[in-house]
């Protein structure tokens, strides 16, 4: 299994819910996604990311399909309009 974690800082927090919903919809569009969790920061630390996601996939091939999937690329286009920072890590479970 692969966990794909991404954290974002954004310039417009009012659009976080839209981004989160778009990400969650990917579970119904990309069969390689086994699970996806999207979350917002609680605001405790001013240096923290604003929101993030954890995606679970079977293997690196599934991660590659997910990364290049047209629906995923459309979500990325939207997120790029609000993201000021992105950090990611992929690891085997």
C-alpha atoms as a PDB file:
ATOM      1  CA  UNK A   1       0.000   0.000   0.000  1.00  0.00           C
ATOM      2  CA  UNK A   2       1.062   3.584  -0.667  1.00  0.00           C
ATOM      3  CA  UNK A   3       0.046   6.616   1.374  1.00  0.00           C
ATOM      4  CA  UNK A   4       0.125   9.902  -0.531  1.00  0.00           C
ATOM      5  CA  UNK A   5       0.021  12.912   1.786  1.00  0.00           C
ATOM      6  CA  UNK A   6      -0.212  16.509   0.568  1.00  0.00           C
ATOM      7  CA  UNK A   7      -0.411  19.697   2.652  1.00  0.00           C
ATOM      8  CA  UNK A   8      -1.350  23.132   1.291  1.00  0.00           C
ATOM      9  CA  UNK A   9      -1.184  26.738   2.381  1.00  0.00           C
ATOM     10  CA  UNK A  10      -3.652  28.930   0.504  1.00  0.00           C
ATOM     11  CA  UNK A  11      -4.245  32.600  -0.205  1.00  0.00           C
ATOM     12  CA  UNK A  12      -8.036  32.341   0.020  1.00  0.00           C
ATOM     13  CA  UNK A  13      -9.350  30.190   2.879  1.00  0.00           C
ATOM     14  CA  UNK A  14     -12.936  30.706   1.712  1.00  0.00           C
ATOM     15  CA  UNK A  15     -12.210  28.306  -1.171  1.00  0.00           C
ATOM     16  CA  UNK A  16     -10.896  25.451   0.982  1.00  0.00           C
ATOM     17  CA  UNK A  17     -14.282  23.724   1.196  1.00  0.00           C
ATOM     18  CA  UNK A  18     -14.577  23.777  -2.601  1.00  0.00           C
ATOM     19  CA  UNK A  19     -11.104  22.233  -2.915  1.00  0.00           C
ATOM     20  CA  UNK A  20     -11.906  19.607  -0.289  1.00  0.00           C
ATOM     21  CA  UNK A  21     -15.139  18.609  -2.051  1.00  0.00           C
ATOM     22  CA  UNK A  22     -13.383  18.355  -5.424  1.00  0.00           C
ATOM     23  CA  UNK A  23     -10.737  16.117  -3.877  1.00  0.00           C
ATOM     24  CA  UNK A  24     -13.317  13.895  -2.176  1.00  0.00           C
ATOM     25  CA  UNK A  25     -15.192  13.456  -5.475  1.00  0.00           C
ATOM     26  CA  UNK A  26     -12.066  11.833  -6.935  1.00  0.00           C
ATOM     27  CA  UNK A  27     -12.813   8.674  -4.923  1.00  0.00           C
ATOM     28  CA  UNK A  28     -15.824   8.075  -7.177  1.00  0.00           C
ATOM     29  CA  UNK A  29     -13.920   8.875 -10.368  1.00  0.00           C
ATOM     30  CA  UNK A  30     -10.571   7.112  -9.951  1.00  0.00           C
ATOM     31  CA  UNK A  31     -10.882   3.408  -9.103  1.00  0.00           C
ATOM     32  CA  UNK A  32      -7.225   3.206  -7.970  1.00  0.00           C
ATOM     33  CA  UNK A  33      -8.058   5.303  -4.889  1.00  0.00           C
ATOM     34  CA  UNK A  34      -8.720   2.918  -2.005  1.00  0.00           C
ATOM     35  CA  UNK A  35      -9.375   5.687   0.505  1.00  0.00           C
ATOM     36  CA  UNK A  36      -9.066   9.441   0.672  1.00  0.00           C
ATOM     37  CA  UNK A  37      -9.276  11.743   3.666  1.00  0.00           C
ATOM     38  CA  UNK A  38      -9.309  15.530   3.397  1.00  0.00           C
ATOM     39  CA  UNK A  39      -8.949  17.818   6.390  1.00  0.00           C
ATOM     40  CA  UNK A  40      -8.541  21.445   7.462  1.00  0.00           C
ATOM     41  CA  UNK A  41      -6.182  22.798  10.073  1.00  0.00           C
ATOM     42  CA  UNK A  42      -7.782  23.776  13.391  1.00  0.00           C
ATOM     43  CA  UNK A  43      -5.846  27.052  13.530  1.00  0.00           C
ATOM     44  CA  UNK A  44      -3.717  26.331  16.588  1.00  0.00           C
ATOM     45  CA  UNK A  45      -0.370  27.118  14.919  1.00  0.00           C
ATOM     46  CA  UNK A  46      -0.030  30.092  12.545  1.00  0.00           C
ATOM     47  CA  UNK A  47       2.755  28.311  10.640  1.00  0.00           C
ATOM     48  CA  UNK A  48       0.676  25.202   9.922  1.00  0.00           C
ATOM     49  CA  UNK A  49      -0.691  24.244   6.532  1.00  0.00           C
ATOM     50  CA  UNK A  50      -4.313  25.215   5.851  1.00  0.00           C
ATOM     51  CA  UNK A  51      -5.595  21.885   4.569  1.00  0.00           C
ATOM     52  CA  UNK A  52      -4.390  18.522   3.389  1.00  0.00           C
ATOM     53  CA  UNK A  53      -5.199  15.061   2.178  1.00  0.00           C
ATOM     54  CA  UNK A  54      -4.181  11.476   2.715  1.00  0.00           C
ATOM     55  CA  UNK A  55      -4.806   9.120  -0.189  1.00  0.00           C
ATOM     56  CA  UNK A  56      -4.359   5.360   0.048  1.00  0.00           C
ATOM     57  CA  UNK A  57      -3.494   3.395  -3.082  1.00  0.00           C
ATOM     58  CA  UNK A  58      -2.419  -0.202  -3.680  1.00  0.00           C
ATOM     59  CA  UNK A  59       0.991   0.441  -5.202  1.00  0.00           C
ATOM     60  CA  UNK A  60       3.199   2.827  -7.175  1.00  0.00           C
ATOM     61  CA  UNK A  61       1.449   1.926 -10.444  1.00  0.00           C
ATOM     62  CA  UNK A  62      -1.872   3.031  -8.924  1.00  0.00           C
ATOM     63  CA  UNK A  63      -0.201   6.224  -7.667  1.00  0.00           C
ATOM     64  CA  UNK A  64       1.039   6.941 -11.186  1.00  0.00           C
ATOM     65  CA  UNK A  65      -2.433   6.381 -12.676  1.00  0.00           C
ATOM     66  CA  UNK A  66      -3.955   8.660 -10.014  1.00  0.00           C
ATOM     67  CA  UNK A  67      -1.326  11.356 -10.575  1.00  0.00           C
ATOM     68  CA  UNK A  68      -1.978  11.462 -14.334  1.00  0.00           C
ATOM     69  CA  UNK A  69      -5.744  10.952 -14.275  1.00  0.00           C
ATOM     70  CA  UNK A  70      -7.606  13.773 -16.110  1.00  0.00           C
ATOM     71  CA  UNK A  71     -10.039  14.325 -13.214  1.00  0.00           C
ATOM     72  CA  UNK A  72      -7.127  14.653 -10.786  1.00  0.00           C
ATOM     73  CA  UNK A  73      -5.405  17.109 -13.137  1.00  0.00           C
ATOM     74  CA  UNK A  74      -8.581  19.241 -13.184  1.00  0.00           C
ATOM     75  CA  UNK A  75      -8.601  19.394  -9.376  1.00  0.00           C
ATOM     76  CA  UNK A  76      -4.928  20.385  -9.435  1.00  0.00           C
ATOM     77  CA  UNK A  77      -5.768  23.268 -11.795  1.00  0.00           C
ATOM     78  CA  UNK A  78      -8.251  24.636  -9.262  1.00  0.00           C
ATOM     79  CA  UNK A  79      -5.929  24.173  -6.291  1.00  0.00           C
ATOM     80  CA  UNK A  80      -3.107  25.974  -8.109  1.00  0.00           C
ATOM     81  CA  UNK A  81      -5.334  29.082  -8.211  1.00  0.00           C
ATOM     82  CA  UNK A  82      -5.393  29.244  -4.389  1.00  0.00           C
ATOM     83  CA  UNK A  83      -2.280  27.400  -3.193  1.00  0.00           C
ATOM     84  CA  UNK A  84       0.753  29.358  -2.107  1.00  0.00           C
ATOM     85  CA  UNK A  85       2.627  26.310  -0.852  1.00  0.00           C
ATOM     86  CA  UNK A  86       2.452  22.550  -1.391  1.00  0.00           C
ATOM     87  CA  UNK A  87       4.311  19.779   0.403  1.00  0.00           C
ATOM     88  CA  UNK A  88       3.937  16.087  -0.394  1.00  0.00           C
ATOM     89  CA  UNK A  89       5.241  12.733   0.727  1.00  0.00           C
ATOM     90  CA  UNK A  90       4.566   9.243  -0.557  1.00  0.00           C
ATOM     91  CA  UNK A  91       5.464   6.197   1.501  1.00  0.00           C
ATOM     92  CA  UNK A  92       4.887   2.465   1.644  1.00  0.00           C
ATOM     93  CA  UNK A  93       2.732   1.026   4.398  1.00  0.00           C
END
